[in-house]
Amino acid sequence: MSDFKIDLQRARVPDVNVRGGMTLAVQRITLSRPADAAAPTMVFLHESLGCIETWREFPAFLAEAAGLDAIVYDRLGYGLSAPMSDAPRTKRYLHVEAERLFALLDALGIGDVVLFGHSDGGSIALLAAAMQPTRVKAVITEGAHVFVEEETLEGVRIAKALMAKTDLPTRLARYHGDKVARLTSAWIDTWLSPGFRDWNIEADLRFARCPALVIQGEDDEYGTPAQVDSIVKAWGGKAEALLLPKARHTPHREATKAVMDAVTTFLPRALV
């Protein structure tokens, strides 16, 4: 029997970019056994087309294995959260999401955190650790990007074709409802726009101070190991690289045990 309970709630969060603030869906994962009051909360940050539900059981089982309470949330425009605006994204959209993360944590009364981010969520986790280096105690990323590669753009082009030629929009609607067209357009149009080609957040990473575990599948269809190398080199704290054979862009699904083992080995060292 699992030793945690899961609750879904909605949080009203102030946001300078959204008039009147925004409503986000939040899943709380609370250990049934007494937790260390001083322990950080683990926060899971989803990918560009993801949400709470697409994580499946992974956050709950990793939180339990790590001995940490956790939250998973839908960013604005995803899952059960409020829709995003029709305004085009800027090159700083991931910085904005990192700022929104802290607004959400403040609204929930959460202090110190460990961040686990996948893809866009990984980039957000890196930026958040650089923005508030004393509050973020450790970062784990999967398939994070810090600059634009041709492999990334090709992956986005393939996704665009799948949106047009397959039932992918219908499958995504199971998670995002009528927000699918807007959120997929925001991702695809942003990454494929000429103005985004020189997007780069490597310089931000030097402000981070916490330990980082940088995970990527060796067969990641959205990026090369150059992303991992760059993060480790630019990171302001200690950083470890982990390339997983036979895994693609979603290692927590394609190599679950390896990710679980790596994170539960990493965190005790990181949180001393």
Protein backbone atom coordinates (compact mmCIF):
# COMPACT_ATOMS: atom_id res chain seq x y z
CA MET A 1 0.00 0.00 0.00
CA SER A 2 1.40 3.41 -0.97
CA ASP A 3 2.43 5.69 1.88
CA PHE A 4 1.07 9.00 0.55
CA LYS A 5 -2.18 10.80 -0.21
CA ILE A 6 -2.98 12.89 -3.28
CA ASP A 7 -5.27 15.92 -3.40
CA LEU A 8 -6.18 18.11 -6.38
CA GLN A 9 -6.91 21.76 -5.76
CA ARG A 10 -6.98 25.10 -7.55
CA ALA A 11 -4.84 28.03 -6.50
CA ARG A 12 -5.46 31.69 -7.32
CA VAL A 13 -2.06 33.22 -8.03
CA PRO A 14 -1.20 36.90 -8.56
CA ASP A 15 0.59 37.53 -11.84
CA VAL A 16 1.78 40.80 -13.35
CA ASN A 17 1.18 39.42 -16.86
CA VAL A 18 -2.45 38.37 -16.23
CA ARG A 19 -5.07 40.90 -15.15
CA GLY A 20 -6.57 39.78 -11.87
CA GLY A 21 -4.12 36.91 -11.50
CA MET A 22 -4.53 33.33 -12.69
CA THR A 23 -6.04 30.07 -11.52
CA LEU A 24 -3.76 27.03 -11.63
CA ALA A 25 -4.53 23.38 -10.95
CA VAL A 26 -2.26 21.88 -8.30
CA GLN A 27 -1.87 18.29 -7.18
CA ARG A 28 -0.49 17.88 -3.65
CA ILE A 29 1.31 14.67 -2.74
CA THR A 30 1.61 14.34 1.03
CA LEU A 31 3.49 11.58 2.80
CA SER A 32 1.35 9.66 5.25
CA ARG A 33 4.28 9.25 7.62
CA PRO A 34 5.44 12.34 9.54
CA ALA A 35 7.65 14.49 7.31
CA ASP A 36 10.64 16.54 8.41
CA ALA A 37 9.27 20.08 8.79
CA ALA A 38 12.55 21.49 7.51
CA ALA A 39 12.62 19.31 4.38
CA PRO A 40 12.04 21.00 1.03
CA THR A 41 9.00 20.25 -1.11
CA MET A 42 9.57 18.52 -4.44
CA VAL A 43 7.99 20.35 -7.39
CA PHE A 44 7.39 18.69 -10.77
CA LEU A 45 7.45 20.90 -13.90
CA HIS A 46 5.88 19.39 -17.01
CA GLU A 47 6.96 19.47 -20.66
CA SER A 48 5.71 21.73 -23.46
CA LEU A 49 2.58 19.63 -24.17
CA GLY A 50 2.26 18.05 -20.73
CA CYS A 51 0.24 18.55 -17.56
CA ILE A 52 -0.38 16.91 -14.18
CA GLU A 53 -2.06 13.89 -15.73
CA THR A 54 0.66 13.13 -18.28
CA TRP A 55 3.14 12.55 -15.44
CA ARG A 56 1.00 9.52 -14.44
CA GLU A 57 2.14 7.88 -11.18
CA PHE A 58 5.77 8.93 -11.40
CA PRO A 59 5.72 12.03 -9.12
CA ALA A 60 3.95 10.21 -6.30
CA PHE A 61 6.29 7.24 -6.35
CA LEU A 62 9.44 9.37 -6.62
CA ALA A 63 8.27 11.67 -3.82
CA GLU A 64 7.61 8.64 -1.64
CA ALA A 65 11.00 7.13 -2.45
CA ALA A 66 12.73 10.45 -1.74
CA GLY A 67 10.78 11.00 1.48
CA LEU A 68 9.53 14.43 0.42
CA ASP A 69 6.09 15.98 0.09
CA ALA A 70 5.50 17.21 -3.46
CA ILE A 71 3.34 19.25 -5.75
CA VAL A 72 2.62 18.87 -9.45
CA TYR A 73 0.87 21.70 -11.26
CA ASP A 74 -0.53 22.67 -14.65
CA ARG A 75 1.05 25.82 -16.02
CA LEU A 76 -1.25 28.53 -17.33
CA GLY A 77 -2.94 27.26 -20.50
CA TYR A 78 -2.44 23.55 -19.73
CA GLY A 79 -4.49 20.75 -18.24
CA LEU A 80 -7.06 22.02 -15.74
CA SER A 81 -5.52 25.48 -15.34
CA ALA A 82 -7.00 28.63 -16.86
CA PRO A 83 -6.37 29.29 -20.57
CA MET A 84 -3.38 31.32 -21.69
CA SER A 85 -3.84 34.54 -23.62
CA ASP A 86 -3.67 34.79 -27.41
CA ALA A 87 -0.65 37.10 -27.21
CA PRO A 88 2.49 35.67 -28.87
CA ARG A 89 5.14 34.32 -26.54
CA THR A 90 8.37 36.26 -26.24
CA LYS A 91 11.89 34.87 -26.00
CA ARG A 92 11.56 35.26 -22.24
CA TYR A 93 8.51 33.03 -21.85
CA LEU A 94 10.43 30.47 -19.78
CA HIS A 95 11.73 33.24 -17.49
CA VAL A 96 8.10 34.30 -16.99
CA GLU A 97 7.17 30.72 -16.07
CA ALA A 98 9.98 30.59 -13.51
CA GLU A 99 8.64 33.79 -11.93
CA ARG A 100 5.14 32.29 -11.91
CA LEU A 101 6.48 29.20 -10.14
CA PHE A 102 7.57 31.33 -7.19
CA ALA A 103 4.25 33.21 -7.17
CA LEU A 104 2.50 29.84 -6.92
CA LEU A 105 4.79 28.63 -4.14
CA ASP A 106 4.14 31.84 -2.19
CA ALA A 107 0.38 31.42 -2.65
CA LEU A 108 0.62 27.85 -1.32
CA GLY A 109 2.88 28.79 1.59
CA ILE A 110 5.75 26.62 0.34
CA GLY A 111 9.32 27.66 1.12
CA ASP A 112 12.36 25.64 0.08
CA VAL A 113 12.02 23.34 -2.92
CA VAL A 114 13.63 20.62 -5.00
CA LEU A 115 12.72 21.04 -8.66
CA PHE A 116 12.23 18.18 -11.12
CA GLY A 117 11.68 19.51 -14.62
CA HIS A 118 11.07 17.76 -17.93
CA SER A 119 11.89 19.47 -21.27
CA ASP A 120 10.48 23.04 -21.05
CA GLY A 121 9.94 22.28 -17.37
CA GLY A 122 13.64 21.46 -17.06
CA SER A 123 14.61 24.81 -18.55
CA ILE A 124 12.19 26.52 -16.16
CA ALA A 125 13.77 24.66 -13.22
CA LEU A 126 17.25 25.82 -14.24
CA LEU A 127 16.11 29.44 -14.51
CA ALA A 128 14.24 29.27 -11.21
CA ALA A 129 17.35 28.01 -9.40
CA ALA A 130 19.28 30.94 -10.85
CA MET A 131 16.58 33.43 -9.81
CA GLN A 132 16.26 32.29 -6.17
CA PRO A 133 19.43 30.32 -5.43
CA THR A 134 18.86 30.06 -1.68
CA ARG A 135 15.29 28.77 -1.98
CA VAL A 136 15.97 26.07 -4.58
CA LYS A 137 17.93 23.34 -2.81
CA ALA A 138 18.42 20.94 -5.74
CA VAL A 139 17.46 20.60 -9.39
CA ILE A 140 16.86 17.51 -11.52
CA THR A 141 16.26 17.99 -15.23
CA GLU A 142 15.28 15.67 -18.08
CA GLY A 143 15.80 16.80 -21.66
CA ALA A 144 16.23 20.46 -20.69
CA HIS A 145 17.28 22.98 -23.33
CA VAL A 146 19.55 25.99 -22.86
CA PHE A 147 20.04 26.89 -26.52
CA VAL A 148 18.43 26.05 -29.86
CA GLU A 149 19.73 23.08 -31.86
CA GLU A 150 18.70 21.95 -35.32
CA GLU A 151 17.73 18.59 -33.75
CA THR A 152 15.25 20.44 -31.53
CA LEU A 153 13.74 22.30 -34.44
CA GLU A 154 13.41 19.11 -36.46
CA GLY A 155 11.61 17.47 -33.55
CA VAL A 156 9.20 20.41 -33.40
CA ARG A 157 8.62 20.22 -37.17
CA ILE A 158 7.77 16.53 -36.86
CA ALA A 159 5.35 17.32 -34.02
CA LYS A 160 3.73 20.00 -36.19
CA ALA A 161 3.22 17.48 -38.98
CA LEU A 162 1.74 14.96 -36.54
CA MET A 163 -0.71 17.60 -35.31
CA ALA A 164 -1.93 18.07 -38.88
CA LYS A 165 -1.96 14.47 -40.09
CA THR A 166 -2.81 12.27 -37.10
CA ASP A 167 -5.22 12.10 -34.17
CA LEU A 168 -2.67 13.74 -31.86
CA PRO A 169 -4.91 16.80 -31.24
CA THR A 170 -7.72 14.50 -30.14
CA ARG A 171 -5.42 12.60 -27.81
CA LEU A 172 -4.09 15.83 -26.32
CA ALA A 173 -7.66 17.06 -25.81
CA ARG A 174 -8.10 14.32 -23.21
CA TYR A 175 -5.70 16.31 -21.05
CA HIS A 176 -6.15 19.93 -22.16
CA GLY A 177 -9.72 20.13 -23.46
CA ASP A 178 -10.37 23.04 -25.81
CA LYS A 179 -6.96 24.59 -25.03
CA VAL A 180 -5.06 22.25 -27.39
CA ALA A 181 -4.90 24.49 -30.45
CA ARG A 182 -3.64 27.47 -28.46
CA LEU A 183 -0.99 25.66 -26.44
CA THR A 184 0.38 23.67 -29.39
CA SER A 185 0.53 26.81 -31.51
CA ALA A 186 2.32 28.68 -28.74
CA TRP A 187 5.00 25.98 -28.55
CA ILE A 188 5.43 25.27 -32.26
CA ASP A 189 5.22 28.86 -33.51
CA THR A 190 7.63 30.13 -30.85
CA TRP A 191 10.36 27.56 -31.43
CA LEU A 192 10.13 27.71 -35.22
CA SER A 193 10.08 31.51 -35.44
CA PRO A 194 13.26 33.10 -36.87
CA GLY A 195 13.47 35.41 -33.87
CA PHE A 196 13.82 32.49 -31.49
CA ARG A 197 16.79 30.94 -33.27
CA ASP A 198 19.32 32.72 -31.03
CA TRP A 199 17.49 32.00 -27.77
CA ASN A 200 20.05 31.04 -25.13
CA ILE A 201 19.94 30.88 -21.31
CA GLU A 202 23.48 29.62 -20.64
CA ALA A 203 24.51 32.93 -19.06
CA ASP A 204 21.72 32.68 -16.47
CA LEU A 205 22.99 29.38 -15.09
CA ARG A 206 26.05 30.87 -13.39
CA PHE A 207 23.77 32.41 -10.73
CA ALA A 208 22.57 29.02 -9.50
CA ARG A 209 24.18 27.59 -6.36
CA CYS A 210 22.44 24.29 -5.65
CA PRO A 211 23.48 20.83 -6.88
CA ALA A 212 21.98 19.69 -10.17
CA LEU A 213 21.42 16.28 -11.76
CA VAL A 214 21.18 16.71 -15.54
CA ILE A 215 19.51 13.72 -17.20
CA GLN A 216 19.05 13.06 -20.89
CA GLY A 217 18.23 10.04 -23.00
CA GLU A 218 20.98 9.08 -25.42
CA ASP A 219 18.33 8.84 -28.16
CA ASP A 220 16.57 12.12 -27.28
CA GLU A 221 14.79 13.25 -30.44
CA TYR A 222 14.70 16.90 -29.29
CA GLY A 223 18.34 17.52 -28.43
CA THR A 224 21.92 16.26 -28.27
CA PRO A 225 24.29 15.69 -25.33
CA ALA A 226 25.64 19.17 -26.07
CA GLN A 227 22.73 20.47 -23.98
CA VAL A 228 23.88 18.42 -20.99
CA ASP A 229 27.51 19.44 -21.47
CA SER A 230 26.55 23.10 -21.60
CA ILE A 231 24.42 22.95 -18.45
CA VAL A 232 27.13 21.19 -16.45
CA LYS A 233 29.79 23.61 -17.65
CA ALA A 234 27.74 26.79 -17.02
CA TRP A 235 26.09 25.72 -13.74
CA GLY A 236 27.04 27.87 -10.75
CA GLY A 237 26.87 24.95 -8.31
CA LYS A 238 27.88 21.32 -8.57
CA ALA A 239 26.34 19.50 -11.51
CA GLU A 240 26.26 15.84 -12.51
CA ALA A 241 25.44 14.50 -15.99
CA LEU A 242 23.52 11.29 -16.63
CA LEU A 243 23.02 10.00 -20.18
CA LEU A 244 20.66 7.03 -20.27
CA PRO A 245 21.05 4.45 -23.07
CA LYS A 246 17.94 3.47 -25.04
CA ALA A 247 15.98 6.40 -23.59
CA ARG A 248 14.55 9.21 -25.67
CA HIS A 249 12.99 12.51 -24.55
CA THR A 250 11.03 11.11 -21.59
CA PRO A 251 13.49 9.11 -19.43
CA HIS A 252 11.13 8.93 -16.43
CA ARG A 253 8.82 6.82 -18.63
CA GLU A 254 11.39 5.03 -20.81
CA ALA A 255 13.95 4.28 -18.08
CA THR A 256 11.91 4.69 -14.91
CA LYS A 257 14.04 2.58 -12.59
CA ALA A 258 17.26 4.22 -13.70
CA VAL A 259 15.80 7.68 -13.09
CA MET A 260 14.36 6.69 -9.71
CA ASP A 261 17.68 5.16 -8.61
CA ALA A 262 19.68 8.16 -9.82
CA VAL A 263 17.45 10.72 -8.10
CA THR A 264 17.22 8.86 -4.79
CA THR A 265 21.01 8.50 -4.78
CA PHE A 266 21.55 12.14 -5.74
CA LEU A 267 19.21 13.84 -3.28
CA PRO A 268 20.79 12.69 0.00
CA ARG A 269 24.10 14.13 -1.22
CA ALA A 270 22.46 17.29 -2.49
CA LEU A 271 20.46 18.05 0.64
CA VAL A 272 23.16 17.65 3.30
